[in-house]
Amino acid sequence: MSVKVELDELSDIVGQLDATVFLLTTNDDASPHPAHVRVTYDGVVFALSAGRRSCLNSSQRSVVTLLWPAHDPDSMHLLIDGVAEVVSAADGVILLTPTSAMWHRQPDQPAH
């Protein structure tokens, strides 16, 4: 089950979550590349501290996803899709402009 999150709600939601998340990018062969990154959010864009592969993938295929995994069986995952801009590959800085967001839970989890 998925529940849409309005982008203007992200500041309140993200402010209550961990600052470390998963960045999902795509490799040259179309395989996924997950990376654990630290993020900040100013209400408009996310600033990410990422590694070399994540920066390379984001510069070549800018559509990426941030994932806050659920911490227990009753919680939902937060997924934020966006467009990435590599500001500094040498420093591992990526800016991500969110385009959509949703809460997601596994089908076997009870609805809230």
PDB file of N, CA and C in Angstrom:
ATOM      1  N   MET A   1       0.830  -1.167   0.000  1.00  0.00           N
ATOM      2  CA  MET A   1       0.000   0.000   0.000  1.00  0.00           C
ATOM      3  C   MET A   1       0.879   1.235   0.000  1.00  0.00           C
ATOM      4  N   SER A   2       0.504   2.213  -0.779  1.00  0.00           N
ATOM      5  CA  SER A   2       1.240   3.472  -0.853  1.00  0.00           C
ATOM      6  C   SER A   2       0.308   4.632  -0.546  1.00  0.00           C
ATOM      7  N   VAL A   3       0.842   5.621   0.134  1.00  0.00           N
ATOM      8  CA  VAL A   3       0.094   6.828   0.465  1.00  0.00           C
ATOM      9  C   VAL A   3       0.911   8.019  -0.007  1.00  0.00           C
ATOM     10  N   LYS A   4       0.339   8.821  -0.904  1.00  0.00           N
ATOM     11  CA  LYS A   4       1.036   9.984  -1.440  1.00  0.00           C
ATOM     12  C   LYS A   4       1.308  10.997  -0.332  1.00  0.00           C
ATOM     13  N   VAL A   5       2.484  11.607  -0.414  1.00  0.00           N
ATOM     14  CA  VAL A   5       2.877  12.678   0.499  1.00  0.00           C
ATOM     15  C   VAL A   5       3.002  13.945  -0.345  1.00  0.00           C
ATOM     16  N   GLU A   6       2.338  14.988   0.071  1.00  0.00           N
ATOM     17  CA  GLU A   6       2.454  16.271  -0.628  1.00  0.00           C
ATOM     18  C   GLU A   6       3.832  16.854  -0.347  1.00  0.00           C
ATOM     19  N   LEU A   7       4.439  17.458  -1.356  1.00  0.00           N
ATOM     20  CA  LEU A   7       5.797  17.984  -1.203  1.00  0.00           C
ATOM     21  C   LEU A   7       5.883  19.069  -0.137  1.00  0.00           C
ATOM     22  N   ASP A   8       4.810  19.820   0.068  1.00  0.00           N
ATOM     23  CA  ASP A   8       4.859  20.867   1.092  1.00  0.00           C
ATOM     24  C   ASP A   8       4.812  20.289   2.511  1.00  0.00           C
ATOM     25  N   GLU A   9       4.603  18.994   2.655  1.00  0.00           N
ATOM     26  CA  GLU A   9       4.620  18.320   3.953  1.00  0.00           C
ATOM     27  C   GLU A   9       6.005  17.759   4.304  1.00  0.00           C
ATOM     28  N   LEU A  10       6.914  17.757   3.345  1.00  0.00           N
ATOM     29  CA  LEU A  10       8.205  17.091   3.545  1.00  0.00           C
ATOM     30  C   LEU A  10       9.032  17.676   4.683  1.00  0.00           C
ATOM     31  N   SER A  11       9.042  18.981   4.833  1.00  0.00           N
ATOM     32  CA  SER A  11       9.859  19.587   5.896  1.00  0.00           C
ATOM     33  C   SER A  11       9.486  19.033   7.253  1.00  0.00           C
ATOM     34  N   ASP A  12       8.187  18.981   7.554  1.00  0.00           N
ATOM     35  CA  ASP A  12       7.746  18.465   8.848  1.00  0.00           C
ATOM     36  C   ASP A  12       8.085  16.992   9.010  1.00  0.00           C
ATOM     37  N   ILE A  13       7.880  16.215   7.949  1.00  0.00           N
ATOM     38  CA  ILE A  13       8.121  14.768   8.012  1.00  0.00           C
ATOM     39  C   ILE A  13       9.611  14.472   8.155  1.00  0.00           C
ATOM     40  N   VAL A  14      10.415  15.051   7.273  1.00  0.00           N
ATOM     41  CA  VAL A  14      11.851  14.763   7.261  1.00  0.00           C
ATOM     42  C   VAL A  14      12.515  15.252   8.543  1.00  0.00           C
ATOM     43  N   GLY A  15      11.998  16.321   9.122  1.00  0.00           N
ATOM     44  CA  GLY A  15      12.554  16.838  10.361  1.00  0.00           C
ATOM     45  C   GLY A  15      12.438  15.872  11.525  1.00  0.00           C
ATOM     46  N   GLN A  16      11.551  14.891  11.408  1.00  0.00           N
ATOM     47  CA  GLN A  16      11.348  13.909  12.467  1.00  0.00           C
ATOM     48  C   GLN A  16      12.098  12.602  12.213  1.00  0.00           C
ATOM     49  N   LEU A  17      12.799  12.506  11.078  1.00  0.00           N
ATOM     50  CA  LEU A  17      13.460  11.260  10.690  1.00  0.00           C
ATOM     51  C   LEU A  17      14.974  11.370  10.810  1.00  0.00           C
ATOM     52  N   ASP A  18      15.637  10.234  10.700  1.00  0.00           N
ATOM     53  CA  ASP A  18      17.094  10.195  10.715  1.00  0.00           C
ATOM     54  C   ASP A  18      17.666  10.998   9.553  1.00  0.00           C
ATOM     55  N   ALA A  19      18.867  11.525   9.754  1.00  0.00           N
ATOM     56  CA  ALA A  19      19.548  12.282   8.695  1.00  0.00           C
ATOM     57  C   ALA A  19      20.323  11.369   7.752  1.00  0.00           C
ATOM     58  N   THR A  20      20.395  10.075   8.061  1.00  0.00           N
ATOM     59  CA  THR A  20      21.059   9.138   7.161  1.00  0.00           C
ATOM     60  C   THR A  20      20.001   8.250   6.516  1.00  0.00           C
ATOM     61  N   VAL A  21      20.092   8.145   5.200  1.00  0.00           N
ATOM     62  CA  VAL A  21      19.101   7.432   4.396  1.00  0.00           C
ATOM     63  C   VAL A  21      19.814   6.665   3.288  1.00  0.00           C
ATOM     64  N   PHE A  22      19.027   5.989   2.457  1.00  0.00           N
ATOM     65  CA  PHE A  22      19.587   5.339   1.286  1.00  0.00           C
ATOM     66  C   PHE A  22      19.298   6.178   0.054  1.00  0.00           C
ATOM     67  N   LEU A  23      20.323   6.394  -0.753  1.00  0.00           N
ATOM     68  CA  LEU A  23      20.195   7.025  -2.063  1.00  0.00           C
ATOM     69  C   LEU A  23      20.232   5.906  -3.092  1.00  0.00           C
ATOM     70  N   LEU A  24      19.219   5.834  -3.926  1.00  0.00           N
ATOM     71  CA  LEU A  24      19.139   4.811  -4.962  1.00  0.00           C
ATOM     72  C   LEU A  24      19.378   5.458  -6.320  1.00  0.00           C
ATOM     73  N   THR A  25      20.483   5.054  -6.951  1.00  0.00           N
ATOM     74  CA  THR A  25      20.812   5.523  -8.290  1.00  0.00           C
ATOM     75  C   THR A  25      20.870   4.312  -9.217  1.00  0.00           C
ATOM     76  N   THR A  26      21.141   4.566 -10.482  1.00  0.00           N
ATOM     77  CA  THR A  26      21.190   3.494 -11.473  1.00  0.00           C
ATOM     78  C   THR A  26      22.562   3.457 -12.131  1.00  0.00           C
ATOM     79  N   ASN A  27      23.172   2.260 -12.158  1.00  0.00           N
ATOM     80  CA  ASN A  27      24.455   2.055 -12.819  1.00  0.00           C
ATOM     81  C   ASN A  27      24.293   2.045 -14.339  1.00  0.00           C
ATOM     82  N   ASP A  28      25.427   2.041 -15.053  1.00  0.00           N
ATOM     83  CA  ASP A  28      25.412   2.013 -16.517  1.00  0.00           C
ATOM     84  C   ASP A  28      24.642   0.832 -17.090  1.00  0.00           C
ATOM     85  N   ASP A  29      24.669  -0.309 -16.400  1.00  0.00           N
ATOM     86  CA  ASP A  29      23.988  -1.510 -16.896  1.00  0.00           C
ATOM     87  C   ASP A  29      22.528  -1.586 -16.425  1.00  0.00           C
ATOM     88  N   ALA A  30      21.998  -0.484 -15.888  1.00  0.00           N
ATOM     89  CA  ALA A  30      20.612  -0.369 -15.405  1.00  0.00           C
ATOM     90  C   ALA A  30      20.375  -1.090 -14.082  1.00  0.00           C
ATOM     91  N   SER A  31      21.425  -1.577 -13.443  1.00  0.00           N
ATOM     92  CA  SER A  31      21.261  -2.189 -12.124  1.00  0.00           C
ATOM     93  C   SER A  31      21.203  -1.083 -11.070  1.00  0.00           C
ATOM     94  N   PRO A  32      20.507  -1.347  -9.976  1.00  0.00           N
ATOM     95  CA  PRO A  32      20.411  -0.333  -8.925  1.00  0.00           C
ATOM     96  C   PRO A  32      21.700  -0.220  -8.126  1.00  0.00           C
ATOM     97  N   HIS A  33      21.950   0.977  -7.640  1.00  0.00           N
ATOM     98  CA  HIS A  33      23.101   1.216  -6.764  1.00  0.00           C
ATOM     99  C   HIS A  33      22.597   1.917  -5.506  1.00  0.00           C
ATOM    100  N   PRO A  34      22.457   1.166  -4.399  1.00  0.00           N
ATOM    101  CA  PRO A  34      22.062   1.796  -3.143  1.00  0.00           C
ATOM    102  C   PRO A  34      23.300   2.311  -2.398  1.00  0.00           C
ATOM    103  N   ALA A  35      23.160   3.460  -1.770  1.00  0.00           N
ATOM    104  CA  ALA A  35      24.261   4.010  -0.974  1.00  0.00           C
ATOM    105  C   ALA A  35      23.685   4.675   0.262  1.00  0.00           C
ATOM    106  N   HIS A  36      24.362   4.505   1.367  1.00  0.00           N
ATOM    107  CA  HIS A  36      23.963   5.137   2.621  1.00  0.00           C
ATOM    108  C   HIS A  36      24.537   6.549   2.613  1.00  0.00           C
ATOM    109  N   VAL A  37      23.679   7.572   2.732  1.00  0.00           N
ATOM    110  CA  VAL A  37      24.121   8.960   2.648  1.00  0.00           C
ATOM    111  C   VAL A  37      23.534   9.777   3.798  1.00  0.00           C
ATOM    112  N   ARG A  38      24.149  10.905   4.059  1.00  0.00           N
ATOM    113  CA  ARG A  38      23.636  11.868   5.034  1.00  0.00           C
ATOM    114  C   ARG A  38      22.953  12.988   4.252  1.00  0.00           C
ATOM    115  N   VAL A  39      21.765  13.418   4.730  1.00  0.00           N
ATOM    116  CA  VAL A  39      21.011  14.457   4.030  1.00  0.00           C
ATOM    117  C   VAL A  39      20.607  15.588   4.975  1.00  0.00           C
ATOM    118  N   THR A  40      20.434  16.754   4.375  1.00  0.00           N
ATOM    119  CA  THR A  40      19.770  17.875   5.034  1.00  0.00           C
ATOM    120  C   THR A  40      18.723  18.372   4.054  1.00  0.00           C
ATOM    121  N   TYR A  41      17.693  19.023   4.569  1.00  0.00           N
ATOM    122  CA  TYR A  41      16.603  19.518   3.719  1.00  0.00           C
ATOM    123  C   TYR A  41      16.253  20.927   4.152  1.00  0.00           C
ATOM    124  N   ASP A  42      16.247  21.849   3.190  1.00  0.00           N
ATOM    125  CA  ASP A  42      15.949  23.243   3.505  1.00  0.00           C
ATOM    126  C   ASP A  42      14.519  23.637   3.138  1.00  0.00           C
ATOM    127  N   GLY A  43      13.695  22.644   2.807  1.00  0.00           N
ATOM    128  CA  GLY A  43      12.320  22.918   2.399  1.00  0.00           C
ATOM    129  C   GLY A  43      12.142  23.002   0.901  1.00  0.00           C
ATOM    130  N   VAL A  44      13.255  23.047   0.168  1.00  0.00           N
ATOM    131  CA  VAL A  44      13.214  23.104  -1.296  1.00  0.00           C
ATOM    132  C   VAL A  44      14.040  21.982  -1.910  1.00  0.00           C
ATOM    133  N   VAL A  45      15.285  21.848  -1.455  1.00  0.00           N
ATOM    134  CA  VAL A  45      16.177  20.814  -1.975  1.00  0.00           C
ATOM    135  C   VAL A  45      16.850  20.061  -0.829  1.00  0.00           C
ATOM    136  N   PHE A  46      17.175  18.816  -1.117  1.00  0.00           N
ATOM    137  CA  PHE A  46      17.979  18.007  -0.210  1.00  0.00           C
ATOM    138  C   PHE A  46      19.436  18.182  -0.606  1.00  0.00           C
ATOM    139  N   ALA A  47      20.314  18.312   0.371  1.00  0.00           N
ATOM    140  CA  ALA A  47      21.752  18.298   0.132  1.00  0.00           C
ATOM    141  C   ALA A  47      22.265  16.964   0.645  1.00  0.00           C
ATOM    142  N   LEU A  48      22.994  16.256  -0.206  1.00  0.00           N
ATOM    143  CA  LEU A  48      23.475  14.917   0.125  1.00  0.00           C
ATOM    144  C   LEU A  48      24.983  14.892   0.148  1.00  0.00           C
ATOM    145  N   SER A  49      25.527  14.100   1.031  1.00  0.00           N
ATOM    146  CA  SER A  49      26.943  13.806   1.057  1.00  0.00           C
ATOM    147  C   SER A  49      27.079  12.381   0.531  1.00  0.00           C
ATOM    148  N   ALA A  50      27.593  12.225  -0.686  1.00  0.00           N
ATOM    149  CA  ALA A  50      27.594  10.921  -1.361  1.00  0.00           C
ATOM    150  C   ALA A  50      28.995  10.535  -1.831  1.00  0.00           C
ATOM    151  N   GLY A  51      29.108   9.272  -2.204  1.00  0.00           N
ATOM    152  CA  GLY A  51      30.379   8.745  -2.697  1.00  0.00           C
ATOM    153  C   GLY A  51      30.556   8.915  -4.197  1.00  0.00           C
ATOM    154  N   ARG A  52      31.698   8.453  -4.672  1.00  0.00           N
ATOM    155  CA  ARG A  52      32.090   8.608  -6.073  1.00  0.00           C
ATOM    156  C   ARG A  52      31.092   7.970  -7.038  1.00  0.00           C
ATOM    157  N   ARG A  53      30.688   6.721  -6.790  1.00  0.00           N
ATOM    158  CA  ARG A  53      29.775   6.007  -7.689  1.00  0.00           C
ATOM    159  C   ARG A  53      28.408   6.680  -7.719  1.00  0.00           C
ATOM    160  N   SER A  54      27.907   7.100  -6.575  1.00  0.00           N
ATOM    161  CA  SER A  54      26.612   7.783  -6.533  1.00  0.00           C
ATOM    162  C   SER A  54      26.660   9.096  -7.312  1.00  0.00           C
ATOM    163  N   CYS A  55      27.761   9.823  -7.185  1.00  0.00           N
ATOM    164  CA  CYS A  55      27.912  11.072  -7.936  1.00  0.00           C
ATOM    165  C   CYS A  55      27.969  10.808  -9.440  1.00  0.00           C
ATOM    166  N   LEU A  56      28.737   9.808  -9.834  1.00  0.00           N
ATOM    167  CA  LEU A  56      28.839   9.475 -11.254  1.00  0.00           C
ATOM    168  C   LEU A  56      27.478   9.057 -11.815  1.00  0.00           C
ATOM    169  N   ASN A  57      26.804   8.156 -11.116  1.00  0.00           N
ATOM    170  CA  ASN A  57      25.483   7.711 -11.576  1.00  0.00           C
ATOM    171  C   ASN A  57      24.508   8.885 -11.668  1.00  0.00           C
ATOM    172  N   SER A  58      24.495   9.742 -10.650  1.00  0.00           N
ATOM    173  CA  SER A  58      23.566  10.877 -10.621  1.00  0.00           C
ATOM    174  C   SER A  58      23.848  11.880 -11.727  1.00  0.00           C
ATOM    175  N   SER A  59      25.121  12.038 -12.077  1.00  0.00           N
ATOM    176  CA  SER A  59      25.451  12.975 -13.152  1.00  0.00           C
ATOM    177  C   SER A  59      25.029  12.433 -14.513  1.00  0.00           C
ATOM    178  N   GLN A  60      24.979  11.120 -14.663  1.00  0.00           N
ATOM    179  CA  GLN A  60      24.603  10.509 -15.936  1.00  0.00           C
ATOM    180  C   GLN A  60      23.118  10.188 -16.034  1.00  0.00           C
ATOM    181  N   ARG A  61      22.483   9.895 -14.907  1.00  0.00           N
ATOM    182  CA  ARG A  61      21.043   9.577 -14.847  1.00  0.00           C
ATOM    183  C   ARG A  61      20.496  10.264 -13.610  1.00  0.00           C
ATOM    184  N   SER A  62      19.928  11.433 -13.810  1.00  0.00           N
ATOM    185  CA  SER A  62      19.625  12.324 -12.694  1.00  0.00           C
ATOM    186  C   SER A  62      18.373  11.962 -11.900  1.00  0.00           C
ATOM    187  N   VAL A  63      17.550  11.042 -12.383  1.00  0.00           N
ATOM    188  CA  VAL A  63      16.359  10.644 -11.627  1.00  0.00           C
ATOM    189  C   VAL A  63      16.790   9.618 -10.579  1.00  0.00           C
ATOM    190  N   VAL A  64      16.608   9.983  -9.300  1.00  0.00           N
ATOM    191  CA  VAL A  64      17.063   9.158  -8.184  1.00  0.00           C
ATOM    192  C   VAL A  64      15.959   9.064  -7.130  1.00  0.00           C
ATOM    193  N   THR A  65      16.196   8.220  -6.122  1.00  0.00           N
ATOM    194  CA  THR A  65      15.235   8.048  -5.031  1.00  0.00           C
ATOM    195  C   THR A  65      15.962   8.052  -3.698  1.00  0.00           C
ATOM    196  N   LEU A  66      15.339   8.695  -2.713  1.00  0.00           N
ATOM    197  CA  LEU A  66      15.787   8.600  -1.324  1.00  0.00           C
ATOM    198  C   LEU A  66      14.850   7.647  -0.604  1.00  0.00           C
ATOM    199  N   LEU A  67      15.395   6.791   0.246  1.00  0.00           N
ATOM    200  CA  LEU A  67      14.599   5.813   0.980  1.00  0.00           C
ATOM    201  C   LEU A  67      14.926   5.880   2.463  1.00  0.00           C
ATOM    202  N   TRP A  68      13.900   6.162   3.254  1.00  0.00           N
ATOM    203  CA  TRP A  68      13.980   6.035   4.704  1.00  0.00           C
ATOM    204  C   TRP A  68      13.298   4.715   5.032  1.00  0.00           C
ATOM    205  N   PRO A  69      14.048   3.669   5.362  1.00  0.00           N
ATOM    206  CA  PRO A  69      13.417   2.378   5.646  1.00  0.00           C
ATOM    207  C   PRO A  69      12.649   2.403   6.967  1.00  0.00           C
ATOM    208  N   ALA A  70      11.610   1.614   7.013  1.00  0.00           N
ATOM    209  CA  ALA A  70      10.841   1.467   8.251  1.00  0.00           C
ATOM    210  C   ALA A  70      11.726   0.829   9.304  1.00  0.00           C
ATOM    211  N   HIS A  71      11.585   1.266  10.545  1.00  0.00           N
ATOM    212  CA  HIS A  71      12.413   0.734  11.621  1.00  0.00           C
ATOM    213  C   HIS A  71      11.751  -0.398  12.395  1.00  0.00           C
ATOM    214  N   ASP A  72      10.472  -0.621  12.130  1.00  0.00           N
ATOM    215  CA  ASP A  72       9.776  -1.725  12.789  1.00  0.00           C
ATOM    216  C   ASP A  72       8.627  -2.179  11.889  1.00  0.00           C
ATOM    217  N   PRO A  73       8.056  -3.340  12.135  1.00  0.00           N
ATOM    218  CA  PRO A  73       7.021  -3.895  11.252  1.00  0.00           C
ATOM    219  C   PRO A  73       5.756  -3.044  11.139  1.00  0.00           C
ATOM    220  N   ASP A  74       5.511  -2.172  12.103  1.00  0.00           N
ATOM    221  CA  ASP A  74       4.312  -1.342  12.051  1.00  0.00           C
ATOM    222  C   ASP A  74       4.540   0.010  11.383  1.00  0.00           C
ATOM    223  N   SER A  75       5.769   0.298  10.998  1.00  0.00           N
ATOM    224  CA  SER A  75       6.096   1.574  10.368  1.00  0.00           C
ATOM    225  C   SER A  75       6.034   1.463   8.850  1.00  0.00           C
ATOM    226  N   MET A  76       6.040   2.627   8.225  1.00  0.00           N
ATOM    227  CA  MET A  76       6.047   2.673   6.767  1.00  0.00           C
ATOM    228  C   MET A  76       7.387   3.224   6.292  1.00  0.00           C
ATOM    229  N   HIS A  77       7.781   2.846   5.073  1.00  0.00           N
ATOM    230  CA  HIS A  77       8.980   3.377   4.425  1.00  0.00           C
ATOM    231  C   HIS A  77       8.610   4.715   3.789  1.00  0.00           C
ATOM    232  N   LEU A  78       9.535   5.652   3.776  1.00  0.00           N
ATOM    233  CA  LEU A  78       9.334   6.900   3.054  1.00  0.00           C
ATOM    234  C   LEU A  78      10.213   6.875   1.817  1.00  0.00           C
ATOM    235  N   LEU A  79       9.604   7.087   0.665  1.00  0.00           N
ATOM    236  CA  LEU A  79      10.318   7.145  -0.612  1.00  0.00           C
ATOM    237  C   LEU A  79      10.127   8.533  -1.204  1.00  0.00           C
ATOM    238  N   ILE A  80      11.225   9.155  -1.587  1.00  0.00           N
ATOM    239  CA  ILE A  80      11.165  10.459  -2.239  1.00  0.00           C
ATOM    240  C   ILE A  80      11.915  10.360  -3.554  1.00  0.00           C
ATOM    241  N   ASP A  81      11.206  10.567  -4.655  1.00  0.00           N
ATOM    242  CA  ASP A  81      11.832  10.612  -5.972  1.00  0.00           C
ATOM    243  C   ASP A  81      12.225  12.051  -6.265  1.00  0.00           C
ATOM    244  N   GLY A  82      13.289  12.205  -7.038  1.00  0.00           N
ATOM    245  CA  GLY A  82      13.713  13.556  -7.364  1.00  0.00           C
ATOM    246  C   GLY A  82      14.730  13.595  -8.477  1.00  0.00           C
ATOM    247  N   VAL A  83      15.144  14.810  -8.785  1.00  0.00           N
ATOM    248  CA  VAL A  83      16.147  15.059  -9.815  1.00  0.00           C
ATOM    249  C   VAL A  83      17.410  15.536  -9.113  1.00  0.00           C
ATOM    250  N   ALA A  84      18.495  14.832  -9.380  1.00  0.00           N
ATOM    251  CA  ALA A  84      19.767  15.125  -8.726  1.00  0.00           C
ATOM    252  C   ALA A  84      20.638  16.020  -9.595  1.00  0.00           C
ATOM    253  N   GLU A  85      21.364  16.893  -8.920  1.00  0.00           N
ATOM    254  CA  GLU A  85      22.377  17.723  -9.572  1.00  0.00           C
ATOM    255  C   GLU A  85      23.664  17.578  -8.764  1.00  0.00           C
ATOM    256  N   VAL A  86      24.709  17.089  -9.423  1.00  0.00           N
ATOM    257  CA  VAL A  86      25.994  16.933  -8.744  1.00  0.00           C
ATOM    258  C   VAL A  86      26.668  18.301  -8.711  1.00  0.00           C
ATOM    259  N   VAL A  87      26.817  18.840  -7.514  1.00  0.00           N
ATOM    260  CA  VAL A  87      27.421  20.162  -7.337  1.00  0.00           C
ATOM    261  C   VAL A  87      28.934  20.040  -7.312  1.00  0.00           C
ATOM    262  N   SER A  88      29.432  19.013  -6.633  1.00  0.00           N
ATOM    263  CA  SER A  88      30.868  18.783  -6.546  1.00  0.00           C
ATOM    264  C   SER A  88      31.132  17.286  -6.406  1.00  0.00           C
ATOM    265  N   ALA A  89      31.556  16.666  -7.496  1.00  0.00           N
ATOM    266  CA  ALA A  89      31.883  15.243  -7.445  1.00  0.00           C
ATOM    267  C   ALA A  89      33.088  15.011  -6.537  1.00  0.00           C
ATOM    268  N   ALA A  90      34.039  15.935  -6.541  1.00  0.00           N
ATOM    269  CA  ALA A  90      35.237  15.792  -5.714  1.00  0.00           C
ATOM    270  C   ALA A  90      34.888  15.786  -4.226  1.00  0.00           C
ATOM    271  N   ASP A  91      33.890  16.588  -3.833  1.00  0.00           N
ATOM    272  CA  ASP A  91      33.479  16.655  -2.431  1.00  0.00           C
ATOM    273  C   ASP A  91      32.272  15.776  -2.137  1.00  0.00           C
ATOM    274  N   GLY A  92      31.704  15.147  -3.168  1.00  0.00           N
ATOM    275  CA  GLY A  92      30.561  14.265  -2.978  1.00  0.00           C
ATOM    276  C   GLY A  92      29.275  14.992  -2.644  1.00  0.00           C
ATOM    277  N   VAL A  93      29.081  16.179  -3.193  1.00  0.00           N
ATOM    278  CA  VAL A  93      27.889  16.973  -2.889  1.00  0.00           C
ATOM    279  C   VAL A  93      26.879  16.869  -4.030  1.00  0.00           C
ATOM    280  N   ILE A  94      25.674  16.411  -3.674  1.00  0.00           N
ATOM    281  CA  ILE A  94      24.570  16.302  -4.623  1.00  0.00           C
ATOM    282  C   ILE A  94      23.393  17.083  -4.054  1.00  0.00           C
ATOM    283  N   LEU A  95      22.724  17.850  -4.909  1.00  0.00           N
ATOM    284  CA  LEU A  95      21.467  18.485  -4.538  1.00  0.00           C
ATOM    285  C   LEU A  95      20.345  17.716  -5.208  1.00  0.00           C
ATOM    286  N   LEU A  96      19.288  17.450  -4.471  1.00  0.00           N
ATOM    287  CA  LEU A  96      18.162  16.689  -5.004  1.00  0.00           C
ATOM    288  C   LEU A  96      16.888  17.512  -4.842  1.00  0.00           C
ATOM    289  N   THR A  97      16.231  17.779  -5.960  1.00  0.00           N
ATOM    290  CA  THR A  97      14.951  18.469  -5.946  1.00  0.00           C
ATOM    291  C   THR A  97      13.861  17.412  -5.974  1.00  0.00           C
ATOM    292  N   PRO A  98      13.031  17.327  -4.925  1.00  0.00           N
ATOM    293  CA  PRO A  98      11.999  16.288  -4.900  1.00  0.00           C
ATOM    294  C   PRO A  98      10.908  16.541  -5.935  1.00  0.00           C
ATOM    295  N   THR A  99      10.447  15.444  -6.554  1.00  0.00           N
ATOM    296  CA  THR A  99       9.348  15.530  -7.530  1.00  0.00           C
ATOM    297  C   THR A  99       8.107  14.787  -7.048  1.00  0.00           C
ATOM    298  N   SER A 100       8.287  13.806  -6.181  1.00  0.00           N
ATOM    299  CA  SER A 100       7.151  13.083  -5.604  1.00  0.00           C
ATOM    300  C   SER A 100       7.623  12.362  -4.350  1.00  0.00           C
ATOM    301  N   ALA A 101       6.649  12.028  -3.502  1.00  0.00           N
ATOM    302  CA  ALA A 101       6.984  11.327  -2.256  1.00  0.00           C
ATOM    303  C   ALA A 101       5.811  10.455  -1.856  1.00  0.00           C
ATOM    304  N   MET A 102       6.125   9.345  -1.158  1.00  0.00           N
ATOM    305  CA  MET A 102       5.061   8.479  -0.671  1.00  0.00           C
ATOM    306  C   MET A 102       5.527   7.672   0.524  1.00  0.00           C
ATOM    307  N   TRP A 103       4.561   7.349   1.370  1.00  0.00           N
ATOM    308  CA  TRP A 103       4.740   6.357   2.414  1.00  0.00           C
ATOM    309  C   TRP A 103       4.388   5.021   1.795  1.00  0.00           C
ATOM    310  N   HIS A 104       5.140   3.991   2.138  1.00  0.00           N
ATOM    311  CA  HIS A 104       4.877   2.669   1.560  1.00  0.00           C
ATOM    312  C   HIS A 104       5.016   1.614   2.646  1.00  0.00           C
ATOM    313  N   ARG A 105       4.131   0.651   2.641  1.00  0.00           N
ATOM    314  CA  ARG A 105       4.248  -0.487   3.546  1.00  0.00           C
ATOM    315  C   ARG A 105       4.082  -1.764   2.745  1.00  0.00           C
ATOM    316  N   GLN A 106       4.615  -2.834   3.296  1.00  0.00           N
ATOM    317  CA  GLN A 106       4.485  -4.130   2.640  1.00  0.00           C
ATOM    318  C   GLN A 106       3.024  -4.562   2.688  1.00  0.00           C
ATOM    319  N   PRO A 107       2.571  -5.317   1.686  1.00  0.00           N
ATOM    320  CA  PRO A 107       1.169  -5.739   1.637  1.00  0.00           C
ATOM    321  C   PRO A 107       0.714  -6.520   2.856  1.00  0.00           C
ATOM    322  N   ASP A 108       1.600  -7.256   3.530  1.00  0.00           N
ATOM    323  CA  ASP A 108       1.186  -8.060   4.675  1.00  0.00           C
ATOM    324  C   ASP A 108       1.163  -7.284   5.985  1.00  0.00           C
ATOM    325  N   GLN A 109       1.558  -6.006   5.961  1.00  0.00           N
ATOM    326  CA  GLN A 109       1.524  -5.203   7.164  1.00  0.00           C
ATOM    327  C   GLN A 109       0.098  -4.698   7.403  1.00  0.00           C
ATOM    328  N   PRO A 110      -0.297  -4.570   8.631  1.00  0.00           N
ATOM    329  CA  PRO A 110      -1.645  -4.048   8.912  1.00  0.00           C
ATOM    330  C   PRO A 110      -1.753  -2.581   8.534  1.00  0.00           C
ATOM    331  N   ALA A 111      -2.907  -2.181   8.034  1.00  0.00           N
ATOM    332  CA  ALA A 111      -3.143  -0.774   7.696  1.00  0.00           C
ATOM    333  C   ALA A 111      -3.305   0.035   8.970  1.00  0.00           C
ATOM    334  N   HIS A 112      -2.901   1.295   8.923  1.00  0.00           N
ATOM    335  CA  HIS A 112      -3.016   2.187  10.100  1.00  0.00           C
ATOM    336  C   HIS A 112      -4.250   3.016   9.970  1.00  0.00           C
TER     337      HIS A 112
END
